Amino acid sequence: MAHPNDVHPPQVLTDLVQQIVMESGNPEGFSAEAWLQEWLAAPLPAFGNRRPRDVLQEPEGLALIQATLLQIQKGSFA
């Protein structure tokens, strides 16, 4: 049986995280896919303590995840 973190996140989200890191930090040695896998698996207060991976299953889930990642970049959830 596959471990939950073995599931690859949608490429659009991996690309977004990589773009955020390139704009806001030092991308050297950073794996957007590995970070995203862990982030998607952890319950978050921003989603009512649901996992982002579960939010992705909702009709507007992808857009909500993308907006949340952009808010994190701006420090809204810091």
PDB file of N, CA and C in Angstrom:
ATOM      1  N   MET A   1       0.842  -1.186   0.000  1.00  0.00           N
ATOM      2  CA  MET A   1       0.000   0.000   0.000  1.00  0.00           C
ATOM      3  C   MET A   1       0.884   1.245   0.000  1.00  0.00           C
ATOM      4  N   ALA A   2       0.543   2.224  -0.810  1.00  0.00           N
ATOM      5  CA  ALA A   2       1.344   3.446  -0.923  1.00  0.00           C
ATOM      6  C   ALA A   2       1.155   4.329   0.301  1.00  0.00           C
ATOM      7  N   HIS A   3       2.220   4.971   0.692  1.00  0.00           N
ATOM      8  CA  HIS A   3       2.186   5.960   1.769  1.00  0.00           C
ATOM      9  C   HIS A   3       1.535   7.214   1.215  1.00  0.00           C
ATOM     10  N   PRO A   4       0.693   7.934   2.023  1.00  0.00           N
ATOM     11  CA  PRO A   4       0.011   9.133   1.508  1.00  0.00           C
ATOM     12  C   PRO A   4       0.949  10.146   0.882  1.00  0.00           C
ATOM     13  N   ASN A   5       2.160  10.249   1.395  1.00  0.00           N
ATOM     14  CA  ASN A   5       3.099  11.232   0.858  1.00  0.00           C
ATOM     15  C   ASN A   5       3.714  10.780  -0.458  1.00  0.00           C
ATOM     16  N   ASP A   6       3.460   9.514  -0.876  1.00  0.00           N
ATOM     17  CA  ASP A   6       3.984   9.015  -2.140  1.00  0.00           C
ATOM     18  C   ASP A   6       3.136   9.471  -3.330  1.00  0.00           C
ATOM     19  N   VAL A   7       1.948   9.988  -3.063  1.00  0.00           N
ATOM     20  CA  VAL A   7       1.068  10.457  -4.120  1.00  0.00           C
ATOM     21  C   VAL A   7       1.592  11.798  -4.631  1.00  0.00           C
ATOM     22  N   HIS A   8       1.743  11.900  -5.934  1.00  0.00           N
ATOM     23  CA  HIS A   8       2.265  13.139  -6.505  1.00  0.00           C
ATOM     24  C   HIS A   8       1.180  14.212  -6.522  1.00  0.00           C
ATOM     25  N   PRO A   9       1.515  15.405  -6.037  1.00  0.00           N
ATOM     26  CA  PRO A   9       0.546  16.505  -6.081  1.00  0.00           C
ATOM     27  C   PRO A   9       0.332  16.952  -7.527  1.00  0.00           C
ATOM     28  N   PRO A  10      -0.781  17.643  -7.770  1.00  0.00           N
ATOM     29  CA  PRO A  10      -1.005  18.157  -9.132  1.00  0.00           C
ATOM     30  C   PRO A  10       0.169  19.034  -9.578  1.00  0.00           C
ATOM     31  N   GLN A  11       0.579  18.859 -10.824  1.00  0.00           N
ATOM     32  CA  GLN A  11       1.740  19.595 -11.341  1.00  0.00           C
ATOM     33  C   GLN A  11       1.546  21.105 -11.232  1.00  0.00           C
ATOM     34  N   VAL A  12       0.332  21.572 -11.419  1.00  0.00           N
ATOM     35  CA  VAL A  12       0.072  23.013 -11.338  1.00  0.00           C
ATOM     36  C   VAL A  12       0.428  23.543  -9.943  1.00  0.00           C
ATOM     37  N   LEU A  13       0.203  22.747  -8.909  1.00  0.00           N
ATOM     38  CA  LEU A  13       0.558  23.185  -7.553  1.00  0.00           C
ATOM     39  C   LEU A  13       2.064  23.124  -7.329  1.00  0.00           C
ATOM     40  N   THR A  14       2.690  22.079  -7.835  1.00  0.00           N
ATOM     41  CA  THR A  14       4.152  21.981  -7.717  1.00  0.00           C
ATOM     42  C   THR A  14       4.805  23.166  -8.414  1.00  0.00           C
ATOM     43  N   ASP A  15       4.316  23.510  -9.596  1.00  0.00           N
ATOM     44  CA  ASP A  15       4.857  24.650 -10.339  1.00  0.00           C
ATOM     45  C   ASP A  15       4.643  25.957  -9.572  1.00  0.00           C
ATOM     46  N   LEU A  16       3.479  26.104  -8.952  1.00  0.00           N
ATOM     47  CA  LEU A  16       3.190  27.319  -8.191  1.00  0.00           C
ATOM     48  C   LEU A  16       4.140  27.451  -7.003  1.00  0.00           C
ATOM     49  N   VAL A  17       4.342  26.368  -6.268  1.00  0.00           N
ATOM     50  CA  VAL A  17       5.252  26.413  -5.116  1.00  0.00           C
ATOM     51  C   VAL A  17       6.668  26.740  -5.579  1.00  0.00           C
ATOM     52  N   GLN A  18       7.100  26.144  -6.672  1.00  0.00           N
ATOM     53  CA  GLN A  18       8.442  26.431  -7.187  1.00  0.00           C
ATOM     54  C   GLN A  18       8.553  27.904  -7.574  1.00  0.00           C
ATOM     55  N   GLN A  19       7.528  28.450  -8.206  1.00  0.00           N
ATOM     56  CA  GLN A  19       7.533  29.866  -8.585  1.00  0.00           C
ATOM     57  C   GLN A  19       7.599  30.753  -7.341  1.00  0.00           C
ATOM     58  N   ILE A  20       6.821  30.415  -6.314  1.00  0.00           N
ATOM     59  CA  ILE A  20       6.812  31.194  -5.072  1.00  0.00           C
ATOM     60  C   ILE A  20       8.203  31.208  -4.450  1.00  0.00           C
ATOM     61  N   VAL A  21       8.843  30.061  -4.404  1.00  0.00           N
ATOM     62  CA  VAL A  21      10.183  29.982  -3.799  1.00  0.00           C
ATOM     63  C   VAL A  21      11.187  30.772  -4.626  1.00  0.00           C
ATOM     64  N   MET A  22      11.080  30.695  -5.933  1.00  0.00           N
ATOM     65  CA  MET A  22      12.010  31.450  -6.776  1.00  0.00           C
ATOM     66  C   MET A  22      11.836  32.951  -6.591  1.00  0.00           C
ATOM     67  N   GLU A  23      10.595  33.389  -6.365  1.00  0.00           N
ATOM     68  CA  GLU A  23      10.322  34.814  -6.182  1.00  0.00           C
ATOM     69  C   GLU A  23      10.639  35.291  -4.767  1.00  0.00           C
ATOM     70  N   SER A  24      10.492  34.417  -3.798  1.00  0.00           N
ATOM     71  CA  SER A  24      10.531  34.852  -2.403  1.00  0.00           C
ATOM     72  C   SER A  24      11.698  34.316  -1.585  1.00  0.00           C
ATOM     73  N   GLY A  25      12.441  33.398  -2.127  1.00  0.00           N
ATOM     74  CA  GLY A  25      13.477  32.790  -1.302  1.00  0.00           C
ATOM     75  C   GLY A  25      14.614  32.246  -2.131  1.00  0.00           C
ATOM     76  N   ASN A  26      15.282  31.283  -1.565  1.00  0.00           N
ATOM     77  CA  ASN A  26      16.427  30.662  -2.207  1.00  0.00           C
ATOM     78  C   ASN A  26      16.025  29.251  -2.629  1.00  0.00           C
ATOM     79  N   PRO A  27      15.858  29.019  -3.938  1.00  0.00           N
ATOM     80  CA  PRO A  27      15.392  27.716  -4.395  1.00  0.00           C
ATOM     81  C   PRO A  27      16.459  26.614  -4.365  1.00  0.00           C
ATOM     82  N   GLU A  28      17.703  26.965  -4.086  1.00  0.00           N
ATOM     83  CA  GLU A  28      18.775  25.970  -4.104  1.00  0.00           C
ATOM     84  C   GLU A  28      18.508  24.864  -3.089  1.00  0.00           C
ATOM     85  N   GLY A  29      18.449  23.635  -3.567  1.00  0.00           N
ATOM     86  CA  GLY A  29      18.245  22.479  -2.709  1.00  0.00           C
ATOM     87  C   GLY A  29      16.811  22.277  -2.260  1.00  0.00           C
ATOM     88  N   PHE A  30      15.886  23.110  -2.736  1.00  0.00           N
ATOM     89  CA  PHE A  30      14.485  23.010  -2.326  1.00  0.00           C
ATOM     90  C   PHE A  30      13.726  22.129  -3.306  1.00  0.00           C
ATOM     91  N   SER A  31      12.959  21.201  -2.785  1.00  0.00           N
ATOM     92  CA  SER A  31      12.109  20.353  -3.618  1.00  0.00           C
ATOM     93  C   SER A  31      10.659  20.775  -3.415  1.00  0.00           C
ATOM     94  N   ALA A  32      10.111  21.448  -4.400  1.00  0.00           N
ATOM     95  CA  ALA A  32       8.718  21.896  -4.315  1.00  0.00           C
ATOM     96  C   ALA A  32       7.786  20.705  -4.151  1.00  0.00           C
ATOM     97  N   GLU A  33       8.044  19.622  -4.871  1.00  0.00           N
ATOM     98  CA  GLU A  33       7.158  18.461  -4.797  1.00  0.00           C
ATOM     99  C   GLU A  33       7.201  17.824  -3.404  1.00  0.00           C
ATOM    100  N   ALA A  34       8.386  17.669  -2.825  1.00  0.00           N
ATOM    101  CA  ALA A  34       8.494  17.071  -1.490  1.00  0.00           C
ATOM    102  C   ALA A  34       7.809  17.951  -0.443  1.00  0.00           C
ATOM    103  N   TRP A  35       8.043  19.267  -0.523  1.00  0.00           N
ATOM    104  CA  TRP A  35       7.408  20.176   0.438  1.00  0.00           C
ATOM    105  C   TRP A  35       5.895  20.113   0.302  1.00  0.00           C
ATOM    106  N   LEU A  36       5.416  20.128  -0.936  1.00  0.00           N
ATOM    107  CA  LEU A  36       3.986  20.121  -1.193  1.00  0.00           C
ATOM    108  C   LEU A  36       3.343  18.819  -0.721  1.00  0.00           C
ATOM    109  N   GLN A  37       4.013  17.703  -0.916  1.00  0.00           N
ATOM    110  CA  GLN A  37       3.479  16.420  -0.443  1.00  0.00           C
ATOM    111  C   GLN A  37       3.234  16.462   1.059  1.00  0.00           C
ATOM    112  N   GLU A  38       4.188  16.989   1.801  1.00  0.00           N
ATOM    113  CA  GLU A  38       4.032  17.079   3.253  1.00  0.00           C
ATOM    114  C   GLU A  38       2.951  18.081   3.632  1.00  0.00           C
ATOM    115  N   TRP A  39       2.935  19.232   2.976  1.00  0.00           N
ATOM    116  CA  TRP A  39       1.956  20.273   3.286  1.00  0.00           C
ATOM    117  C   TRP A  39       0.539  19.782   3.007  1.00  0.00           C
ATOM    118  N   LEU A  40       0.350  19.072   1.904  1.00  0.00           N
ATOM    119  CA  LEU A  40      -0.976  18.563   1.547  1.00  0.00           C
ATOM    120  C   LEU A  40      -1.483  17.514   2.536  1.00  0.00           C
ATOM    121  N   ALA A  41      -0.585  16.846   3.236  1.00  0.00           N
ATOM    122  CA  ALA A  41      -0.963  15.754   4.134  1.00  0.00           C
ATOM    123  C   ALA A  41      -1.261  16.201   5.561  1.00  0.00           C
ATOM    124  N   ALA A  42      -0.940  17.435   5.904  1.00  0.00           N
ATOM    125  CA  ALA A  42      -1.087  17.907   7.287  1.00  0.00           C
ATOM    126  C   ALA A  42      -2.384  18.698   7.461  1.00  0.00           C
ATOM    127  N   PRO A  43      -3.167  18.390   8.497  1.00  0.00           N
ATOM    128  CA  PRO A  43      -4.361  19.197   8.771  1.00  0.00           C
ATOM    129  C   PRO A  43      -3.969  20.654   9.045  1.00  0.00           C
ATOM    130  N   LEU A  44      -4.736  21.578   8.484  1.00  0.00           N
ATOM    131  CA  LEU A  44      -4.408  22.999   8.620  1.00  0.00           C
ATOM    132  C   LEU A  44      -5.610  23.788   9.133  1.00  0.00           C
ATOM    133  N   PRO A  45      -5.376  24.724  10.067  1.00  0.00           N
ATOM    134  CA  PRO A  45      -6.460  25.575  10.560  1.00  0.00           C
ATOM    135  C   PRO A  45      -7.153  26.353   9.441  1.00  0.00           C
ATOM    136  N   ALA A  46      -6.413  26.744   8.414  1.00  0.00           N
ATOM    137  CA  ALA A  46      -7.005  27.508   7.303  1.00  0.00           C
ATOM    138  C   ALA A  46      -8.122  26.736   6.604  1.00  0.00           C
ATOM    139  N   PHE A  47      -8.116  25.418   6.751  1.00  0.00           N
ATOM    140  CA  PHE A  47      -9.128  24.569   6.125  1.00  0.00           C
ATOM    141  C   PHE A  47      -9.987  23.863   7.172  1.00  0.00           C
ATOM    142  N   GLY A  48     -10.174  24.493   8.316  1.00  0.00           N
ATOM    143  CA  GLY A  48     -10.987  23.889   9.370  1.00  0.00           C
ATOM    144  C   GLY A  48     -10.373  22.605   9.896  1.00  0.00           C
ATOM    145  N   ASN A  49      -9.040  22.585   9.955  1.00  0.00           N
ATOM    146  CA  ASN A  49      -8.257  21.428  10.395  1.00  0.00           C
ATOM    147  C   ASN A  49      -8.416  20.216   9.484  1.00  0.00           C
ATOM    148  N   ARG A  50      -8.800  20.475   8.250  1.00  0.00           N
ATOM    149  CA  ARG A  50      -8.806  19.413   7.240  1.00  0.00           C
ATOM    150  C   ARG A  50      -7.469  19.434   6.519  1.00  0.00           C
ATOM    151  N   ARG A  51      -7.135  18.333   5.873  1.00  0.00           N
ATOM    152  CA  ARG A  51      -5.908  18.266   5.087  1.00  0.00           C
ATOM    153  C   ARG A  51      -6.148  18.927   3.725  1.00  0.00           C
ATOM    154  N   PRO A  52      -5.185  19.696   3.243  1.00  0.00           N
ATOM    155  CA  PRO A  52      -5.325  20.266   1.903  1.00  0.00           C
ATOM    156  C   PRO A  52      -5.595  19.187   0.850  1.00  0.00           C
ATOM    157  N   ARG A  53      -5.033  18.002   1.025  1.00  0.00           N
ATOM    158  CA  ARG A  53      -5.264  16.900   0.091  1.00  0.00           C
ATOM    159  C   ARG A  53      -6.760  16.584  -0.011  1.00  0.00           C
ATOM    160  N   ASP A  54      -7.475  16.677   1.119  1.00  0.00           N
ATOM    161  CA  ASP A  54      -8.912  16.428   1.114  1.00  0.00           C
ATOM    162  C   ASP A  54      -9.677  17.584   0.465  1.00  0.00           C
ATOM    163  N   VAL A  55      -9.199  18.794   0.703  1.00  0.00           N
ATOM    164  CA  VAL A  55      -9.827  19.976   0.095  1.00  0.00           C
ATOM    165  C   VAL A  55      -9.741  19.890  -1.431  1.00  0.00           C
ATOM    166  N   LEU A  56      -8.659  19.316  -1.955  1.00  0.00           N
ATOM    167  CA  LEU A  56      -8.488  19.181  -3.403  1.00  0.00           C
ATOM    168  C   LEU A  56      -9.601  18.359  -4.049  1.00  0.00           C
ATOM    169  N   GLN A  57     -10.268  17.519  -3.284  1.00  0.00           N
ATOM    170  CA  GLN A  57     -11.326  16.670  -3.829  1.00  0.00           C
ATOM    171  C   GLN A  57     -12.634  17.435  -4.047  1.00  0.00           C
ATOM    172  N   GLU A  58     -12.720  18.646  -3.495  1.00  0.00           N
ATOM    173  CA  GLU A  58     -13.930  19.465  -3.620  1.00  0.00           C
ATOM    174  C   GLU A  58     -13.934  20.177  -4.973  1.00  0.00           C
ATOM    175  N   PRO A  59     -15.112  20.555  -5.465  1.00  0.00           N
ATOM    176  CA  PRO A  59     -15.194  21.199  -6.782  1.00  0.00           C
ATOM    177  C   PRO A  59     -14.280  22.423  -6.943  1.00  0.00           C
ATOM    178  N   GLU A  60     -14.206  23.269  -5.949  1.00  0.00           N
ATOM    179  CA  GLU A  60     -13.365  24.469  -6.041  1.00  0.00           C
ATOM    180  C   GLU A  60     -12.062  24.313  -5.256  1.00  0.00           C
ATOM    181  N   GLY A  61     -11.722  23.076  -4.928  1.00  0.00           N
ATOM    182  CA  GLY A  61     -10.567  22.804  -4.078  1.00  0.00           C
ATOM    183  C   GLY A  61      -9.242  23.287  -4.633  1.00  0.00           C
ATOM    184  N   LEU A  62      -9.000  23.043  -5.909  1.00  0.00           N
ATOM    185  CA  LEU A  62      -7.730  23.455  -6.497  1.00  0.00           C
ATOM    186  C   LEU A  62      -7.561  24.965  -6.412  1.00  0.00           C
ATOM    187  N   ALA A  63      -8.593  25.710  -6.754  1.00  0.00           N
ATOM    188  CA  ALA A  63      -8.519  27.177  -6.691  1.00  0.00           C
ATOM    189  C   ALA A  63      -8.296  27.646  -5.257  1.00  0.00           C
ATOM    190  N   LEU A  64      -8.936  26.987  -4.297  1.00  0.00           N
ATOM    191  CA  LEU A  64      -8.756  27.355  -2.889  1.00  0.00           C
ATOM    192  C   LEU A  64      -7.329  27.081  -2.430  1.00  0.00           C
ATOM    193  N   ILE A  65      -6.773  25.955  -2.826  1.00  0.00           N
ATOM    194  CA  ILE A  65      -5.389  25.623  -2.465  1.00  0.00           C
ATOM    195  C   ILE A  65      -4.427  26.630  -3.095  1.00  0.00           C
ATOM    196  N   GLN A  66      -4.639  26.956  -4.360  1.00  0.00           N
ATOM    197  CA  GLN A  66      -3.773  27.933  -5.030  1.00  0.00           C
ATOM    198  C   GLN A  66      -3.835  29.288  -4.323  1.00  0.00           C
ATOM    199  N   ALA A  67      -5.030  29.747  -3.992  1.00  0.00           N
ATOM    200  CA  ALA A  67      -5.183  31.033  -3.302  1.00  0.00           C
ATOM    201  C   ALA A  67      -4.511  31.000  -1.939  1.00  0.00           C
ATOM    202  N   THR A  68      -4.614  29.892  -1.242  1.00  0.00           N
ATOM    203  CA  THR A  68      -3.996  29.775   0.086  1.00  0.00           C
ATOM    204  C   THR A  68      -2.478  29.826  -0.016  1.00  0.00           C
ATOM    205  N   LEU A  69      -1.916  29.135  -0.989  1.00  0.00           N
ATOM    206  CA  LEU A  69      -0.461  29.175  -1.170  1.00  0.00           C
ATOM    207  C   LEU A  69       0.013  30.595  -1.465  1.00  0.00           C
ATOM    208  N   LEU A  70      -0.735  31.330  -2.270  1.00  0.00           N
ATOM    209  CA  LEU A  70      -0.368  32.716  -2.563  1.00  0.00           C
ATOM    210  C   LEU A  70      -0.495  33.599  -1.326  1.00  0.00           C
ATOM    211  N   GLN A  71      -1.488  33.331  -0.476  1.00  0.00           N
ATOM    212  CA  GLN A  71      -1.631  34.084   0.778  1.00  0.00           C
ATOM    213  C   GLN A  71      -0.447  33.793   1.706  1.00  0.00           C
ATOM    214  N   ILE A  72      -0.012  32.548   1.739  1.00  0.00           N
ATOM    215  CA  ILE A  72       1.148  32.181   2.553  1.00  0.00           C
ATOM    216  C   ILE A  72       2.368  32.962   2.067  1.00  0.00           C
ATOM    217  N   GLN A  73       2.532  33.063   0.754  1.00  0.00           N
ATOM    218  CA  GLN A  73       3.654  33.810   0.203  1.00  0.00           C
ATOM    219  C   GLN A  73       3.642  35.261   0.678  1.00  0.00           C
ATOM    220  N   LYS A  74       2.465  35.841   0.765  1.00  0.00           N
ATOM    221  CA  LYS A  74       2.344  37.241   1.171  1.00  0.00           C
ATOM    222  C   LYS A  74       2.396  37.409   2.702  1.00  0.00           C
ATOM    223  N   GLY A  75       2.398  36.291   3.427  1.00  0.00           N
ATOM    224  CA  GLY A  75       2.486  36.357   4.881  1.00  0.00           C
ATOM    225  C   GLY A  75       1.149  36.374   5.588  1.00  0.00           C
ATOM    226  N   SER A  76       0.065  36.149   4.868  1.00  0.00           N
ATOM    227  CA  SER A  76      -1.264  36.193   5.472  1.00  0.00           C
ATOM    228  C   SER A  76      -1.472  35.120   6.530  1.00  0.00           C
ATOM    229  N   PHE A  77      -0.775  33.992   6.410  1.00  0.00           N
ATOM    230  CA  PHE A  77      -0.913  32.909   7.370  1.00  0.00           C
ATOM    231  C   PHE A  77       0.350  32.719   8.185  1.00  0.00           C
ATOM    232  N   ALA A  78       1.222  33.708   8.189  1.00  0.00           N
ATOM    233  CA  ALA A  78       2.491  33.598   8.914  1.00  0.00           C
ATOM    234  C   ALA A  78       2.253  33.700  10.413  1.00  0.00           C
TER     235      ALA A  78
END
